[in-house]
Amino acid sequence: MANIIDMPKLSDTMTVGTLIKWLKKEGDIIKSGDMLAEVETDKATMELESFFDGTLLKLFAQAGTQVAVGAPLCAVGKAGEIVAVPTGTPAAPVKAVAPVVSAPKPVEPVVTAAPQPPVLHEGRLKISPLAKKLATELGVDATRVESSGPGGRIVRADILAAQKNTGTSAHSLNKASSFFASGPVEDKVIALTNMRATIARRTQESKVQAPHIYLEVEADAGPLMELRSQLNAALEKDGVKLSVNDFILKACGNALRKVPMVNSSYEVDSAGQGSIRVHGAVNVSFAVAIEDGLITPVVRDTSGKSLFAISTEAKSLAKLARDKKLQPAQYTGGTFCVSNMGMLGIDRFCAIINQPNAAILAVGATVKKAVVENDQIVVGQRMALTLSCDHRVLDGAIGANFLSALKEFIEKPSLLLL
């Protein structure tokens, strides 16, 4: 009897998976351990492994479609064996809804322009939200861009390549904006990817279920910036470059050891009884922006690792995240989260708690501003630190204690080297 391979649950929040492409075809001889297909979850792109030997008899889903967890993908059995679509299975899986926009009507400038490449996409345009935004900023006509993403979708790299080839830019277009004809602007409908749908669901659940309170302090980031500059200059020959976020992750790990209640979660048992779990391990996750949303890889035992070990691991995890190659063990199990938007020029913000964590830290940019020191107005460097707390677990006093400890580590960064 043929073995049916179903869509596996490849992440804790996965409900559907997008079948990116088949690596085998019907009639191929399959061995246990062979990779059958690439599947995009709400967190990463992973390979589907066969646990059976035999012939790939039937493919139940086509590349580019969404398949619910537990629904059949293919059948492996003896050559020549007849396999029907399993009872209760839809004749065709739900088609993946790639981000699409209505192709805008080209608006031709009345000034002389470089030769335009031919239109490659007619009708509805498959393009990621990030690529679409970038195309608008750079003035690139996405209908003329060659696509390299899954299912013919245009991704960020395609827009950058097109902009490089044509030399267009937002600045040059704005300079000549008066030469462009006006015309109607059409609505754009962007369907949710697996990741964006999960982000939407989890953030809504967090805001509804966890009563958020927000606490903020400003830290003197001057000492941290000075130490970072000295260390990077000394270690440049070794290829080491510490980021501000590396210091923040290490500082959070140490502060969580000093105020362990923040390193906790709110839990509800099967009877509906709530409890608080204070975690023994300090596993700090950090938000990484990727094409379809964001993901939070985890630096485990953050308080027990050196600043340099954290820097190396965080860079490796961030690259895997952007390549959608993170494994579940690398983005689950976090006990506290850091969201740093300082590198994007955001001075301060409030983050939504990444449940089941009891708190999340929002880090703003280091800003030069006038401050008072010893009754004198001087130029200082300040960093806003905003802690979002689950009030079911943490009261303001506990959060304040944590921020006080964190601020001390940031203002005395040499402590992070011990």
Protein backbone atom coordinates (compact mmCIF):
# COMPACT_ATOMS: atom_id res chain seq x y z
CA MET A 1 0.00 0.00 0.00
CA ALA A 2 1.32 3.43 -0.92
CA ASN A 3 2.58 5.79 1.79
CA ILE A 4 0.94 9.21 1.77
CA ILE A 5 3.22 12.13 2.70
CA ASP A 6 1.29 15.01 4.24
CA MET A 7 2.18 18.66 4.72
CA PRO A 8 4.12 18.60 8.02
CA LYS A 9 3.85 21.19 10.77
CA LEU A 10 7.29 22.78 10.42
CA SER A 11 6.82 25.57 12.96
CA ASP A 12 4.81 26.07 16.11
CA THR A 13 2.51 28.62 14.43
CA MET A 14 2.23 27.00 11.00
CA THR A 15 -1.26 26.23 9.68
CA VAL A 16 -0.50 26.14 5.94
CA GLY A 17 2.64 25.78 3.85
CA THR A 18 3.42 27.06 0.39
CA LEU A 19 4.88 24.43 -1.91
CA ILE A 20 7.69 26.39 -3.60
CA LYS A 21 8.89 23.64 -5.93
CA TRP A 22 9.19 19.89 -6.28
CA LEU A 23 12.72 18.48 -6.22
CA LYS A 24 11.50 15.11 -7.56
CA LYS A 25 8.95 14.18 -10.23
CA GLU A 26 6.43 11.40 -10.60
CA GLY A 27 8.15 8.12 -11.44
CA ASP A 28 11.43 8.96 -9.67
CA ILE A 29 12.95 6.35 -7.38
CA ILE A 30 12.90 7.67 -3.82
CA LYS A 31 15.05 6.66 -0.85
CA SER A 32 14.46 7.50 2.77
CA GLY A 33 16.24 10.78 3.49
CA ASP A 34 15.79 12.19 -0.02
CA MET A 35 14.53 15.76 -0.21
CA LEU A 36 11.26 15.89 -2.11
CA ALA A 37 10.30 19.55 -2.19
CA GLU A 38 10.91 23.05 -0.85
CA VAL A 39 8.18 24.33 1.46
CA GLU A 40 7.74 27.90 2.69
CA THR A 41 6.34 28.12 6.21
CA ASP A 42 5.39 31.27 8.08
CA LYS A 43 8.99 31.49 9.31
CA ALA A 44 11.41 30.03 6.74
CA THR A 45 11.85 27.97 3.58
CA MET A 46 12.59 24.34 4.41
CA GLU A 47 13.06 21.07 2.57
CA LEU A 48 10.54 18.24 2.79
CA GLU A 49 12.20 14.90 3.55
CA SER A 50 10.95 11.44 2.58
CA PHE A 51 10.93 8.74 5.24
CA PHE A 52 10.05 5.98 2.76
CA ASP A 53 11.76 4.01 0.00
CA GLY A 54 9.96 3.43 -3.29
CA THR A 55 8.68 5.23 -6.36
CA LEU A 56 7.15 8.70 -6.31
CA LEU A 57 3.73 7.66 -7.57
CA LYS A 58 1.61 10.79 -7.37
CA LEU A 59 1.90 14.49 -6.69
CA PHE A 60 -1.27 15.90 -5.10
CA ALA A 61 -0.19 19.56 -5.07
CA GLN A 62 1.37 21.80 -7.67
CA ALA A 63 4.27 24.17 -7.12
CA GLY A 64 3.10 27.62 -6.06
CA THR A 65 0.07 26.39 -4.10
CA GLN A 66 -0.77 26.58 -0.42
CA VAL A 67 -1.48 23.32 1.36
CA ALA A 68 -2.98 22.98 4.83
CA VAL A 69 -0.98 21.20 7.52
CA GLY A 70 -1.95 17.52 7.41
CA ALA A 71 -3.19 17.62 3.81
CA PRO A 72 -1.56 15.13 1.38
CA LEU A 73 1.33 16.24 -0.79
CA CYS A 74 2.40 13.06 -2.56
CA ALA A 75 2.43 9.28 -2.46
CA VAL A 76 5.40 6.88 -2.40
CA GLY A 77 4.99 3.17 -3.05
CA LYS A 78 5.68 0.32 -5.44
CA ALA A 79 6.15 1.10 -9.12
CA GLY A 80 2.91 0.78 -11.05
CA GLU A 81 0.73 0.99 -7.97
CA ILE A 82 -2.47 2.98 -8.59
CA VAL A 83 -3.01 5.86 -6.17
CA ALA A 84 -6.16 7.96 -5.96
CA VAL A 85 -6.58 11.32 -4.27
CA PRO A 86 -7.26 10.45 -0.58
CA THR A 87 -10.88 10.70 0.53
CA GLY A 88 -11.82 14.13 1.80
CA THR A 89 -8.94 15.84 0.03
CA PRO A 90 -9.85 18.79 -2.19
CA ALA A 91 -9.25 18.11 -5.85
CA ALA A 92 -6.86 21.04 -5.89
CA PRO A 93 -5.06 22.64 -2.93
CA VAL A 94 -5.81 26.27 -2.15
CA LYS A 95 -3.70 28.35 -4.48
CA ALA A 96 -1.00 30.41 -2.78
CA VAL A 97 -1.92 34.05 -2.76
CA ALA A 98 1.29 35.79 -3.71
CA PRO A 99 1.48 39.52 -3.13
CA VAL A 100 -0.04 41.04 -6.25
CA VAL A 101 -0.81 44.51 -7.39
CA SER A 102 -2.76 45.83 -10.32
CA ALA A 103 -0.25 46.77 -12.98
CA PRO A 104 -0.20 50.56 -13.18
CA LYS A 105 -0.73 52.25 -16.51
CA PRO A 106 2.65 53.50 -17.71
CA VAL A 107 2.98 57.27 -17.42
CA GLU A 108 5.49 58.45 -19.98
CA PRO A 109 7.67 61.50 -19.25
CA VAL A 110 7.81 64.18 -21.90
CA VAL A 111 11.56 64.52 -21.39
CA THR A 112 14.12 62.39 -23.21
CA ALA A 113 14.78 59.21 -21.22
CA ALA A 114 16.95 56.12 -21.50
CA PRO A 115 15.51 53.27 -23.60
CA GLN A 116 12.95 51.28 -21.63
CA PRO A 117 13.09 47.47 -21.45
CA PRO A 118 10.03 45.67 -22.79
CA VAL A 119 7.00 44.99 -20.59
CA LEU A 120 7.49 41.52 -19.10
CA HIS A 121 4.37 41.28 -16.91
CA GLU A 122 0.85 41.80 -18.19
CA GLY A 123 -2.25 42.19 -16.02
CA ARG A 124 -1.81 41.40 -12.33
CA LEU A 125 1.75 41.73 -11.09
CA LYS A 126 3.37 39.32 -8.62
CA ILE A 127 5.64 41.40 -6.40
CA SER A 128 6.64 41.31 -2.73
CA PRO A 129 5.55 44.25 -0.53
CA LEU A 130 9.17 45.28 0.08
CA ALA A 131 10.01 45.15 -3.62
CA LYS A 132 6.89 47.14 -4.46
CA LYS A 133 7.78 49.86 -1.96
CA LEU A 134 11.37 49.98 -3.21
CA ALA A 135 10.23 50.21 -6.83
CA THR A 136 8.09 53.22 -5.95
CA GLU A 137 10.96 54.90 -4.10
CA LEU A 138 13.47 54.29 -6.91
CA GLY A 139 11.07 55.02 -9.74
CA VAL A 140 11.45 51.56 -11.28
CA ASP A 141 8.62 50.28 -13.48
CA ALA A 142 8.07 46.83 -11.99
CA THR A 143 6.22 45.60 -15.08
CA ARG A 144 9.55 45.75 -16.92
CA VAL A 145 11.60 43.92 -14.27
CA GLU A 146 12.73 40.33 -14.64
CA SER A 147 11.60 38.22 -11.65
CA SER A 148 13.69 35.69 -9.74
CA GLY A 149 11.45 34.94 -6.75
CA PRO A 150 9.26 31.88 -6.07
CA GLY A 151 6.45 31.47 -8.57
CA GLY A 152 7.72 34.30 -10.75
CA ARG A 153 7.42 36.86 -7.96
CA ILE A 154 9.51 40.04 -8.14
CA VAL A 155 11.69 40.47 -5.05
CA ARG A 156 13.86 43.26 -3.68
CA ALA A 157 17.02 42.07 -5.45
CA ASP A 158 15.23 42.27 -8.82
CA ILE A 159 14.30 45.93 -8.27
CA LEU A 160 17.84 46.83 -7.21
CA ALA A 161 19.25 45.09 -10.28
CA ALA A 162 16.82 46.94 -12.55
CA GLN A 163 17.62 50.28 -10.92
CA LYS A 164 21.35 49.66 -11.37
CA ASN A 165 20.87 48.86 -15.05
CA THR A 166 18.71 51.88 -15.82
CA GLY A 167 20.31 54.33 -13.41
CA THR A 168 16.95 55.73 -12.30
CA SER A 169 16.54 57.01 -8.76
CA ALA A 170 13.96 58.72 -6.61
CA HIS A 171 16.10 61.86 -6.65
CA SER A 172 16.33 62.05 -10.44
CA LEU A 173 12.61 61.38 -10.81
CA ASN A 174 11.65 63.98 -8.23
CA LYS A 175 13.88 66.51 -9.97
CA ALA A 176 11.96 66.02 -13.21
CA SER A 177 8.56 65.39 -11.63
CA SER A 178 7.07 68.46 -13.30
CA PHE A 179 7.61 66.82 -16.69
CA PHE A 180 5.43 63.82 -15.89
CA ALA A 181 1.83 63.69 -16.98
CA SER A 182 -0.78 63.22 -14.27
CA GLY A 183 -3.13 60.29 -14.37
CA PRO A 184 -5.42 58.18 -12.20
CA VAL A 185 -3.82 56.14 -9.43
CA GLU A 186 -5.32 52.68 -9.07
CA ASP A 187 -5.96 50.87 -5.80
CA LYS A 188 -3.52 48.11 -4.97
CA VAL A 189 -4.57 44.88 -3.28
CA ILE A 190 -1.82 42.95 -1.52
CA ALA A 191 -2.63 39.43 -0.36
CA LEU A 192 -1.13 38.11 2.86
CA THR A 193 1.82 35.75 2.73
CA ASN A 194 2.02 32.91 5.26
CA MET A 195 4.41 34.97 7.39
CA ARG A 196 2.38 38.19 7.24
CA ALA A 197 -0.82 36.31 8.12
CA THR A 198 0.89 34.79 11.16
CA ILE A 199 2.28 38.17 12.24
CA ALA A 200 -1.19 39.69 11.94
CA ARG A 201 -2.77 36.94 14.03
CA ARG A 202 -0.10 36.81 16.75
CA THR A 203 0.21 40.57 17.24
CA GLN A 204 -3.56 40.92 17.49
CA GLU A 205 -3.69 38.09 20.02
CA SER A 206 -0.91 39.67 22.05
CA LYS A 207 -2.54 43.10 22.22
CA VAL A 208 -5.91 41.55 23.15
CA GLN A 209 -4.69 38.95 25.64
CA ALA A 210 -1.77 40.75 27.30
CA PRO A 211 -2.52 44.10 28.98
CA HIS A 212 0.51 46.15 27.91
CA ILE A 213 2.17 48.77 30.08
CA TYR A 214 5.08 50.85 28.80
CA LEU A 215 8.11 52.15 30.69
CA GLU A 216 10.85 54.30 29.19
CA VAL A 217 14.26 55.61 30.20
CA GLU A 218 17.01 57.45 28.36
CA ALA A 219 20.50 56.04 28.70
CA ASP A 220 23.79 57.85 28.17
CA ALA A 221 25.07 55.93 25.16
CA GLY A 222 28.34 57.89 24.91
CA PRO A 223 30.46 55.37 26.85
CA LEU A 224 29.05 52.46 24.84
CA MET A 225 29.71 54.19 21.51
CA GLU A 226 33.25 55.06 22.60
CA LEU A 227 34.05 51.51 23.74
CA ARG A 228 32.55 50.06 20.57
CA SER A 229 34.69 52.39 18.44
CA GLN A 230 37.85 51.40 20.32
CA LEU A 231 37.14 47.67 20.12
CA ASN A 232 36.27 47.76 16.43
CA ALA A 233 39.42 49.73 15.63
CA ALA A 234 41.57 47.24 17.56
CA LEU A 235 39.87 44.17 16.06
CA GLU A 236 39.46 45.40 12.49
CA LYS A 237 42.42 43.30 11.31
CA ASP A 238 40.65 40.21 12.66
CA GLY A 239 37.47 41.01 10.74
CA VAL A 240 35.50 41.71 13.92
CA LYS A 241 32.90 44.48 13.91
CA LEU A 242 30.65 44.81 16.93
CA SER A 243 27.21 46.36 16.44
CA VAL A 244 25.27 48.42 18.96
CA ASN A 245 22.74 45.60 19.04
CA ASP A 246 25.44 43.16 20.20
CA PHE A 247 25.97 45.32 23.27
CA ILE A 248 22.21 45.60 23.84
CA LEU A 249 21.73 41.81 23.67
CA LYS A 250 24.54 41.21 26.16
CA ALA A 251 23.28 43.99 28.45
CA CYS A 252 19.76 42.50 28.40
CA GLY A 253 21.13 39.05 29.24
CA ASN A 254 22.97 40.45 32.26
CA ALA A 255 20.02 42.60 33.38
CA LEU A 256 17.67 39.61 33.19
CA ARG A 257 19.96 37.75 35.60
CA LYS A 258 19.71 40.68 38.01
CA VAL A 259 15.91 40.98 37.64
CA PRO A 260 14.82 37.41 36.75
CA MET A 261 11.09 38.10 37.04
CA VAL A 262 11.23 39.87 33.67
CA ASN A 263 12.55 36.62 32.17
CA SER A 264 9.16 34.95 32.50
CA SER A 265 5.93 33.91 30.78
CA TYR A 266 2.23 33.82 31.58
CA GLU A 267 0.76 30.34 31.19
CA VAL A 268 -2.76 28.93 31.29
CA ASP A 269 -3.37 25.23 31.96
CA SER A 270 -6.12 23.03 30.51
CA ALA A 271 -8.45 24.02 33.33
CA GLY A 272 -8.01 27.70 32.55
CA GLN A 273 -5.85 28.35 35.61
CA GLY A 274 -3.16 30.96 35.08
CA SER A 275 0.41 30.80 36.40
CA ILE A 276 3.76 32.51 35.90
CA ARG A 277 6.81 30.60 34.73
CA VAL A 278 10.14 32.20 35.60
CA HIS A 279 12.63 30.74 33.14
CA GLY A 280 15.96 29.45 34.36
CA ALA A 281 17.63 29.93 30.97
CA VAL A 282 18.13 33.42 29.57
CA ASN A 283 17.46 33.17 25.83
CA VAL A 284 17.22 36.60 24.23
CA SER A 285 15.66 36.84 20.77
CA PHE A 286 15.99 39.81 18.45
CA ALA A 287 13.78 41.04 15.64
CA VAL A 288 15.16 40.74 12.09
CA ALA A 289 13.30 42.43 9.24
CA ILE A 290 13.00 40.22 6.17
CA GLU A 291 11.19 40.57 2.89
CA ASP A 292 7.77 39.35 4.00
CA GLY A 293 7.81 40.61 7.60
CA LEU A 294 10.06 39.83 10.53
CA ILE A 295 11.35 36.89 12.52
CA THR A 296 13.03 36.62 15.92
CA PRO A 297 16.07 34.32 16.03
CA VAL A 298 17.27 33.39 19.52
CA VAL A 299 20.69 33.74 21.15
CA ARG A 300 20.57 31.04 23.80
CA ASP A 301 22.25 31.43 27.20
CA THR A 302 22.77 35.10 26.40
CA SER A 303 23.97 36.02 29.88
CA GLY A 304 26.57 33.24 29.85
CA LYS A 305 28.16 34.17 26.51
CA SER A 306 30.80 36.77 25.83
CA LEU A 307 30.04 39.91 23.86
CA PHE A 308 32.12 38.57 20.99
CA ALA A 309 30.36 35.18 20.97
CA ILE A 310 26.98 36.95 20.92
CA SER A 311 28.12 39.16 18.03
CA THR A 312 29.25 36.19 15.95
CA GLU A 313 26.11 34.18 16.64
CA ALA A 314 23.73 37.08 16.07
CA LYS A 315 25.28 37.89 12.67
CA SER A 316 25.03 34.25 11.61
CA LEU A 317 21.40 33.99 12.74
CA ALA A 318 20.46 37.26 11.03
CA LYS A 319 21.91 36.03 7.72
CA LEU A 320 20.04 32.72 8.00
CA ALA A 321 16.87 34.67 8.77
CA ARG A 322 17.21 36.88 5.68
CA ASP A 323 17.94 33.81 3.55
CA LYS A 324 14.90 32.06 5.11
CA LYS A 325 17.11 29.21 6.23
CA LEU A 326 16.50 29.30 10.00
CA GLN A 327 15.64 25.97 11.59
CA PRO A 328 12.82 25.84 14.19
CA ALA A 329 15.31 25.42 17.06
CA GLN A 330 16.91 28.73 16.04
CA TYR A 331 13.75 30.87 16.33
CA THR A 332 11.83 29.19 19.17
CA GLY A 333 12.41 29.12 22.91
CA GLY A 334 13.16 32.82 23.42
CA THR A 335 12.43 34.14 26.92
CA PHE A 336 12.81 37.87 26.17
CA CYS A 337 12.91 39.89 22.95
CA VAL A 338 14.75 42.97 21.66
CA SER A 339 13.44 45.09 18.79
CA ASN A 340 16.01 47.66 17.68
CA MET A 341 14.96 50.28 15.11
CA GLY A 342 17.79 52.68 15.85
CA MET A 343 19.57 51.78 12.62
CA LEU A 344 16.42 52.90 10.77
CA GLY A 345 16.52 56.34 12.33
CA ILE A 346 13.64 55.79 14.77
CA ASP A 347 14.23 57.73 17.99
CA ARG A 348 11.74 55.84 20.18
CA PHE A 349 8.80 53.47 19.81
CA CYS A 350 6.70 50.90 21.69
CA ALA A 351 6.87 47.25 20.64
CA ILE A 352 4.17 44.57 20.89
CA ILE A 353 5.08 41.74 23.25
CA ASN A 354 6.21 38.57 21.49
CA GLN A 355 4.16 36.05 23.45
CA PRO A 356 4.65 33.93 25.46
CA ASN A 357 7.35 36.37 26.68
CA ALA A 358 6.32 38.74 29.46
CA ALA A 359 8.24 41.71 28.03
CA ILE A 360 9.96 43.16 24.98
CA LEU A 361 12.52 45.97 24.74
CA ALA A 362 12.25 48.63 22.02
CA VAL A 363 15.58 50.36 21.28
CA GLY A 364 15.77 53.71 19.53
CA ALA A 365 18.58 55.48 17.74
CA THR A 366 21.51 57.07 19.57
CA VAL A 367 20.81 60.79 19.24
CA LYS A 368 23.13 63.71 19.88
CA LYS A 369 21.32 66.32 21.97
CA ALA A 370 21.84 69.01 24.57
CA VAL A 371 22.00 67.54 28.08
CA VAL A 372 22.83 68.92 31.51
CA GLU A 373 25.97 67.55 33.21
CA ASN A 374 27.34 69.15 36.38
CA ASP A 375 24.97 72.07 35.85
CA GLN A 376 26.44 72.68 32.41
CA ILE A 377 24.74 72.23 29.04
CA VAL A 378 26.85 69.89 26.91
CA VAL A 379 26.37 67.71 23.84
CA GLY A 380 25.45 64.19 24.88
CA GLN A 381 24.47 60.94 23.17
CA ARG A 382 21.18 59.51 24.36
CA MET A 383 19.38 56.26 23.60
CA ALA A 384 15.68 55.70 24.38
CA LEU A 385 14.84 52.30 25.88
CA THR A 386 11.13 51.41 26.06
CA LEU A 387 10.01 48.27 27.89
CA SER A 388 6.59 46.78 27.05
CA CYS A 389 5.38 44.60 29.93
CA ASP A 390 2.58 42.08 30.29
CA HIS A 391 0.76 43.51 33.33
CA ARG A 392 -0.54 40.04 34.21
CA VAL A 393 3.07 39.18 35.08
CA LEU A 394 4.98 42.40 35.69
CA ASP A 395 4.16 45.52 37.64
CA GLY A 396 5.77 48.86 36.93
CA ALA A 397 8.26 48.58 39.79
CA ILE A 398 9.75 45.34 38.46
CA GLY A 399 10.02 46.78 34.97
CA ALA A 400 11.67 49.89 36.40
CA ASN A 401 14.23 47.74 38.23
CA PHE A 402 15.06 45.96 35.01
CA LEU A 403 15.49 49.22 33.08
CA SER A 404 17.70 50.57 35.87
CA ALA A 405 19.96 47.51 35.64
CA LEU A 406 19.99 47.67 31.84
CA LYS A 407 20.85 51.37 31.89
CA GLU A 408 23.80 50.71 34.22
CA PHE A 409 25.26 48.12 31.84
CA ILE A 410 24.86 50.49 28.88
CA GLU A 411 26.41 53.46 30.69
CA LYS A 412 29.21 51.28 32.09
CA PRO A 413 29.79 48.99 29.08
CA SER A 414 33.14 47.69 30.33
CA LEU A 415 31.04 45.51 32.69
CA LEU A 416 29.86 43.63 29.61
CA LEU A 417 33.41 42.47 28.93
CA LEU A 418 33.74 40.65 32.26
